[in-house]
Amino acid sequence: MTRRRRQQFSPEFKEEAVRMVLEGERTVASVAREFGINASTLGSRVHRHRIVHGQDEQPLSGPERARIRELERENAELREKLTFLKKQPPSSRPRADDARRVRADRCGEGPP
């Protein structure tokens, strides 16, 4: 038994769905639900559109570039802190030379 395709979509319909994802604040899944298409299909179309039209992106403005630099600096600082926090703390076990020391108990039970 072969599966029948549900529907053929026009190029305009496909472009409209991709445009809604790229220009809006909406997710691929929400747009796909609204249009009644598979989310992975729409995601593939959006990905293909970004590859083909990648050079059409607007260059970053001065404040956007500064914000990116600030976030990269903060990211590096947080990575350093994480590396520091991942280090093992010194153990509380006695060292080998400490084990040879004799400790005297001075509870009055004989000479020290």
C-alpha atoms as a PDB file:
ATOM      1  CA  MET A   1       0.000   0.000   0.000  1.00  0.00           C
ATOM      2  CA  THR A   2       1.525   3.284  -1.065  1.00  0.00           C
ATOM      3  CA  ARG A   3       1.084   6.519   0.768  1.00  0.00           C
ATOM      4  CA  ARG A   4      -0.625   9.288  -1.071  1.00  0.00           C
ATOM      5  CA  ARG A   5       0.724  12.786  -0.734  1.00  0.00           C
ATOM      6  CA  ARG A   6      -1.695  15.007   1.035  1.00  0.00           C
ATOM      7  CA  GLN A   7      -1.254  18.152  -0.961  1.00  0.00           C
ATOM      8  CA  GLN A   8       1.076  20.027  -3.266  1.00  0.00           C
ATOM      9  CA  PHE A   9       2.017  23.488  -2.021  1.00  0.00           C
ATOM     10  CA  SER A  10       2.605  26.400  -4.336  1.00  0.00           C
ATOM     11  CA  PRO A  11       5.977  28.186  -4.264  1.00  0.00           C
ATOM     12  CA  GLU A  12       4.215  31.309  -2.980  1.00  0.00           C
ATOM     13  CA  PHE A  13       2.750  29.360  -0.073  1.00  0.00           C
ATOM     14  CA  LYS A  14       6.177  27.950   0.807  1.00  0.00           C
ATOM     15  CA  GLU A  15       7.814  31.386   0.603  1.00  0.00           C
ATOM     16  CA  GLU A  16       5.132  32.907   2.836  1.00  0.00           C
ATOM     17  CA  ALA A  17       5.675  30.248   5.511  1.00  0.00           C
ATOM     18  CA  VAL A  18       9.465  30.747   5.404  1.00  0.00           C
ATOM     19  CA  ARG A  19       9.045  34.537   5.527  1.00  0.00           C
ATOM     20  CA  MET A  20       6.834  34.289   8.616  1.00  0.00           C
ATOM     21  CA  VAL A  21       9.531  32.314  10.443  1.00  0.00           C
ATOM     22  CA  LEU A  22      12.406  34.569   9.378  1.00  0.00           C
ATOM     23  CA  GLU A  23      10.772  37.955   9.851  1.00  0.00           C
ATOM     24  CA  GLY A  24       8.656  37.252  12.895  1.00  0.00           C
ATOM     25  CA  GLU A  25       9.196  36.227  16.468  1.00  0.00           C
ATOM     26  CA  ARG A  26       7.522  32.893  15.821  1.00  0.00           C
ATOM     27  CA  THR A  27       9.005  29.430  15.888  1.00  0.00           C
ATOM     28  CA  VAL A  28       9.083  26.958  13.029  1.00  0.00           C
ATOM     29  CA  ALA A  29       6.717  24.664  14.930  1.00  0.00           C
ATOM     30  CA  SER A  30       4.065  27.322  15.491  1.00  0.00           C
ATOM     31  CA  VAL A  31       4.084  28.456  11.856  1.00  0.00           C
ATOM     32  CA  ALA A  32       3.979  24.830  10.665  1.00  0.00           C
ATOM     33  CA  ARG A  33       0.967  24.147  12.898  1.00  0.00           C
ATOM     34  CA  GLU A  34      -0.827  27.206  11.554  1.00  0.00           C
ATOM     35  CA  PHE A  35      -0.203  26.259   7.911  1.00  0.00           C
ATOM     36  CA  GLY A  36      -0.851  22.557   8.485  1.00  0.00           C
ATOM     37  CA  ILE A  37       2.555  21.330   7.317  1.00  0.00           C
ATOM     38  CA  ASN A  38       5.246  19.212   8.915  1.00  0.00           C
ATOM     39  CA  ALA A  39       7.615  21.210  11.158  1.00  0.00           C
ATOM     40  CA  SER A  40      10.714  19.381   9.888  1.00  0.00           C
ATOM     41  CA  THR A  41       9.771  20.186   6.285  1.00  0.00           C
ATOM     42  CA  LEU A  42       9.357  23.855   7.094  1.00  0.00           C
ATOM     43  CA  GLY A  43      12.606  23.808   9.080  1.00  0.00           C
ATOM     44  CA  SER A  44      14.420  22.384   6.045  1.00  0.00           C
ATOM     45  CA  ARG A  45      12.985  25.091   3.824  1.00  0.00           C
ATOM     46  CA  VAL A  46      14.035  27.807   6.279  1.00  0.00           C
ATOM     47  CA  HIS A  47      17.538  26.327   6.484  1.00  0.00           C
ATOM     48  CA  ARG A  48      17.808  26.161   2.684  1.00  0.00           C
ATOM     49  CA  HIS A  49      16.611  29.760   2.395  1.00  0.00           C
ATOM     50  CA  ARG A  50      19.241  30.927   4.887  1.00  0.00           C
ATOM     51  CA  ILE A  51      21.998  29.159   2.941  1.00  0.00           C
ATOM     52  CA  VAL A  52      20.918  30.581  -0.408  1.00  0.00           C
ATOM     53  CA  HIS A  53      20.176  34.087   0.866  1.00  0.00           C
ATOM     54  CA  GLY A  54      22.803  34.269   3.600  1.00  0.00           C
ATOM     55  CA  GLN A  55      24.616  37.175   2.005  1.00  0.00           C
ATOM     56  CA  ASP A  56      21.413  39.271   2.182  1.00  0.00           C
ATOM     57  CA  GLU A  57      21.784  39.757   5.945  1.00  0.00           C
ATOM     58  CA  GLN A  58      22.215  43.292   7.162  1.00  0.00           C
ATOM     59  CA  PRO A  59      25.647  44.166   8.572  1.00  0.00           C
ATOM     60  CA  LEU A  60      25.789  44.702  12.314  1.00  0.00           C
ATOM     61  CA  SER A  61      25.562  48.236  13.621  1.00  0.00           C
ATOM     62  CA  GLY A  62      28.088  49.710  16.064  1.00  0.00           C
ATOM     63  CA  PRO A  63      26.053  49.065  19.234  1.00  0.00           C
ATOM     64  CA  GLU A  64      25.310  45.489  18.125  1.00  0.00           C
ATOM     65  CA  ARG A  65      29.014  44.799  17.542  1.00  0.00           C
ATOM     66  CA  ALA A  66      29.878  46.289  20.934  1.00  0.00           C
ATOM     67  CA  ARG A  67      27.231  44.130  22.606  1.00  0.00           C
ATOM     68  CA  ILE A  68      28.612  41.004  20.916  1.00  0.00           C
ATOM     69  CA  ARG A  69      32.148  41.838  22.080  1.00  0.00           C
ATOM     70  CA  GLU A  70      30.851  42.389  25.613  1.00  0.00           C
ATOM     71  CA  LEU A  71      29.025  39.045  25.581  1.00  0.00           C
ATOM     72  CA  GLU A  72      32.106  37.244  24.217  1.00  0.00           C
ATOM     73  CA  ARG A  73      34.222  38.768  26.998  1.00  0.00           C
ATOM     74  CA  GLU A  74      31.670  37.724  29.622  1.00  0.00           C
ATOM     75  CA  ASN A  75      31.526  34.235  28.111  1.00  0.00           C
ATOM     76  CA  ALA A  76      35.325  33.867  28.367  1.00  0.00           C
ATOM     77  CA  GLU A  77      35.242  35.023  31.997  1.00  0.00           C
ATOM     78  CA  LEU A  78      32.518  32.526  32.850  1.00  0.00           C
ATOM     79  CA  ARG A  79      34.486  29.735  31.168  1.00  0.00           C
ATOM     80  CA  GLU A  80      37.499  30.574  33.352  1.00  0.00           C
ATOM     81  CA  LYS A  81      35.333  30.498  36.483  1.00  0.00           C
ATOM     82  CA  LEU A  82      33.847  27.175  35.439  1.00  0.00           C
ATOM     83  CA  THR A  83      37.295  25.700  34.884  1.00  0.00           C
ATOM     84  CA  PHE A  84      38.357  26.891  38.322  1.00  0.00           C
ATOM     85  CA  LEU A  85      35.249  25.474  39.980  1.00  0.00           C
ATOM     86  CA  LYS A  86      35.705  22.105  38.264  1.00  0.00           C
ATOM     87  CA  LYS A  87      39.140  21.651  39.831  1.00  0.00           C
ATOM     88  CA  GLN A  88      39.249  19.126  42.654  1.00  0.00           C
ATOM     89  CA  PRO A  89      39.493  20.651  46.132  1.00  0.00           C
ATOM     90  CA  PRO A  90      42.481  19.585  48.209  1.00  0.00           C
ATOM     91  CA  SER A  91      41.763  16.394  50.067  1.00  0.00           C
ATOM     92  CA  SER A  92      41.504  16.295  53.827  1.00  0.00           C
ATOM     93  CA  ARG A  93      43.413  13.016  54.056  1.00  0.00           C
ATOM     94  CA  PRO A  94      46.635  13.218  56.042  1.00  0.00           C
ATOM     95  CA  ARG A  95      49.851  13.247  54.064  1.00  0.00           C
ATOM     96  CA  ALA A  96      52.291  10.359  54.364  1.00  0.00           C
ATOM     97  CA  ASP A  97      54.630  12.239  56.730  1.00  0.00           C
ATOM     98  CA  ASP A  98      51.675  13.191  58.974  1.00  0.00           C
ATOM     99  CA  ALA A  99      50.765   9.528  59.438  1.00  0.00           C
ATOM    100  CA  ARG A 100      54.085   8.795  61.155  1.00  0.00           C
ATOM    101  CA  ARG A 101      53.528  11.373  63.872  1.00  0.00           C
ATOM    102  CA  VAL A 102      52.431  10.051  67.221  1.00  0.00           C
ATOM    103  CA  ARG A 103      49.607  11.886  68.852  1.00  0.00           C
ATOM    104  CA  ALA A 104      49.413  11.777  72.579  1.00  0.00           C
ATOM    105  CA  ASP A 105      46.150  11.898  74.381  1.00  0.00           C
ATOM    106  CA  ARG A 106      46.395  14.059  77.475  1.00  0.00           C
ATOM    107  CA  CYS A 107      43.355  12.893  79.347  1.00  0.00           C
ATOM    108  CA  GLY A 108      45.354  12.052  82.463  1.00  0.00           C
ATOM    109  CA  GLU A 109      45.799   8.376  81.633  1.00  0.00           C
ATOM    110  CA  GLY A 110      49.447   7.953  82.276  1.00  0.00           C
ATOM    111  CA  PRO A 111      52.576   9.812  81.342  1.00  0.00           C
ATOM    112  CA  PRO A 112      52.611  11.718  78.034  1.00  0.00           C
END
